[in-house]
């Protein structure tokens, strides 16, 4: 895992979606989550955070696409 971990967070709940090797993979995983998330059970898709391995920054998927 070279890039980061995709997590969805809301309030005090975190859902780890998966480890990703690139921003393209993170974006693909985020889109898949948006398609399959159930509102009554899952965090809202706007809560995506990518914790990148090469820095301590936390980015939403949309912000992350602009970082690199």
C-alpha atoms as a PDB file:
ATOM      1  CA  UNK A   1       0.000   0.000   0.000  1.00  0.00           C
ATOM      2  CA  UNK A   2       1.767   3.082  -1.222  1.00  0.00           C
ATOM      3  CA  UNK A   3      -0.885   5.743  -1.321  1.00  0.00           C
ATOM      4  CA  UNK A   4      -3.329   5.749   1.545  1.00  0.00           C
ATOM      5  CA  UNK A   5      -6.402   4.452   3.310  1.00  0.00           C
ATOM      6  CA  UNK A   6      -9.904   5.434   2.258  1.00  0.00           C
ATOM      7  CA  UNK A   7     -12.186   5.996   5.244  1.00  0.00           C
ATOM      8  CA  UNK A   8     -15.710   7.334   5.491  1.00  0.00           C
ATOM      9  CA  UNK A   9     -16.425   9.228   8.687  1.00  0.00           C
ATOM     10  CA  UNK A  10     -19.443  10.868  10.255  1.00  0.00           C
ATOM     11  CA  UNK A  11     -19.969  11.919  13.850  1.00  0.00           C
ATOM     12  CA  UNK A  12     -18.072   9.334  15.896  1.00  0.00           C
ATOM     13  CA  UNK A  13     -18.375   6.513  13.369  1.00  0.00           C
ATOM     14  CA  UNK A  14     -15.664   5.455  10.917  1.00  0.00           C
ATOM     15  CA  UNK A  15     -15.936   2.934   8.110  1.00  0.00           C
ATOM     16  CA  UNK A  16     -12.674   1.763   6.573  1.00  0.00           C
ATOM     17  CA  UNK A  17     -13.356   1.274   2.896  1.00  0.00           C
ATOM     18  CA  UNK A  18      -9.931   0.025   1.888  1.00  0.00           C
ATOM     19  CA  UNK A  19      -6.259   0.606   1.209  1.00  0.00           C
ATOM     20  CA  UNK A  20      -5.505   2.214  -2.124  1.00  0.00           C
ATOM     21  CA  UNK A  21      -2.375   2.424  -4.244  1.00  0.00           C
ATOM     22  CA  UNK A  22      -3.287   5.501  -6.272  1.00  0.00           C
ATOM     23  CA  UNK A  23      -5.648   8.424  -6.384  1.00  0.00           C
ATOM     24  CA  UNK A  24      -7.420   6.755  -9.328  1.00  0.00           C
ATOM     25  CA  UNK A  25      -8.061   3.691  -7.193  1.00  0.00           C
ATOM     26  CA  UNK A  26      -9.289   5.903  -4.332  1.00  0.00           C
ATOM     27  CA  UNK A  27     -11.652   7.702  -6.677  1.00  0.00           C
ATOM     28  CA  UNK A  28     -12.947   4.413  -8.107  1.00  0.00           C
ATOM     29  CA  UNK A  29     -13.506   3.000  -4.618  1.00  0.00           C
ATOM     30  CA  UNK A  30     -15.272   6.208  -3.558  1.00  0.00           C
ATOM     31  CA  UNK A  31     -17.609   6.057  -6.553  1.00  0.00           C
ATOM     32  CA  UNK A  32     -18.386   2.415  -5.803  1.00  0.00           C
ATOM     33  CA  UNK A  33     -19.223   3.332  -2.209  1.00  0.00           C
ATOM     34  CA  UNK A  34     -21.473   6.190  -3.370  1.00  0.00           C
ATOM     35  CA  UNK A  35     -23.383   3.721  -5.581  1.00  0.00           C
ATOM     36  CA  UNK A  36     -23.802   1.062  -2.918  1.00  0.00           C
ATOM     37  CA  UNK A  37     -24.067   2.944   0.401  1.00  0.00           C
ATOM     38  CA  UNK A  38     -27.368   2.663   2.228  1.00  0.00           C
ATOM     39  CA  UNK A  39     -28.429   5.852   3.985  1.00  0.00           C
ATOM     40  CA  UNK A  40     -29.965   4.059   6.956  1.00  0.00           C
ATOM     41  CA  UNK A  41     -26.798   2.055   7.601  1.00  0.00           C
ATOM     42  CA  UNK A  42     -23.740   3.814   6.173  1.00  0.00           C
ATOM     43  CA  UNK A  43     -22.017   7.167   6.553  1.00  0.00           C
ATOM     44  CA  UNK A  44     -22.866   9.750   3.911  1.00  0.00           C
ATOM     45  CA  UNK A  45     -20.478   9.672   0.932  1.00  0.00           C
ATOM     46  CA  UNK A  46     -19.469  13.305   1.519  1.00  0.00           C
ATOM     47  CA  UNK A  47     -17.488  12.114   4.540  1.00  0.00           C
ATOM     48  CA  UNK A  48     -14.674  10.427   2.583  1.00  0.00           C
ATOM     49  CA  UNK A  49     -11.197  10.918   3.988  1.00  0.00           C
ATOM     50  CA  UNK A  50      -7.960   9.621   2.549  1.00  0.00           C
ATOM     51  CA  UNK A  51      -5.119   9.385   5.026  1.00  0.00           C
ATOM     52  CA  UNK A  52      -2.077   9.361   2.807  1.00  0.00           C
ATOM     53  CA  UNK A  53       0.984   7.392   3.769  1.00  0.00           C
ATOM     54  CA  UNK A  54       3.506  10.022   2.631  1.00  0.00           C
ATOM     55  CA  UNK A  55       2.123  12.808   4.810  1.00  0.00           C
ATOM     56  CA  UNK A  56      -0.122  13.337   7.787  1.00  0.00           C
ATOM     57  CA  UNK A  57      -2.740  15.141   5.739  1.00  0.00           C
ATOM     58  CA  UNK A  58      -6.330  14.095   5.534  1.00  0.00           C
ATOM     59  CA  UNK A  59      -8.207  14.871   2.361  1.00  0.00           C
ATOM     60  CA  UNK A  60     -11.658  14.275   1.079  1.00  0.00           C
ATOM     61  CA  UNK A  61     -11.552  12.314  -2.145  1.00  0.00           C
ATOM     62  CA  UNK A  62     -12.481  15.429  -4.088  1.00  0.00           C
ATOM     63  CA  UNK A  63      -9.703  17.456  -2.421  1.00  0.00           C
ATOM     64  CA  UNK A  64      -7.229  14.637  -2.883  1.00  0.00           C
ATOM     65  CA  UNK A  65      -7.750  14.652  -6.630  1.00  0.00           C
ATOM     66  CA  UNK A  66      -6.550  18.259  -6.631  1.00  0.00           C
ATOM     67  CA  UNK A  67      -3.491  17.626  -4.401  1.00  0.00           C
ATOM     68  CA  UNK A  68      -1.435  15.572  -6.854  1.00  0.00           C
END
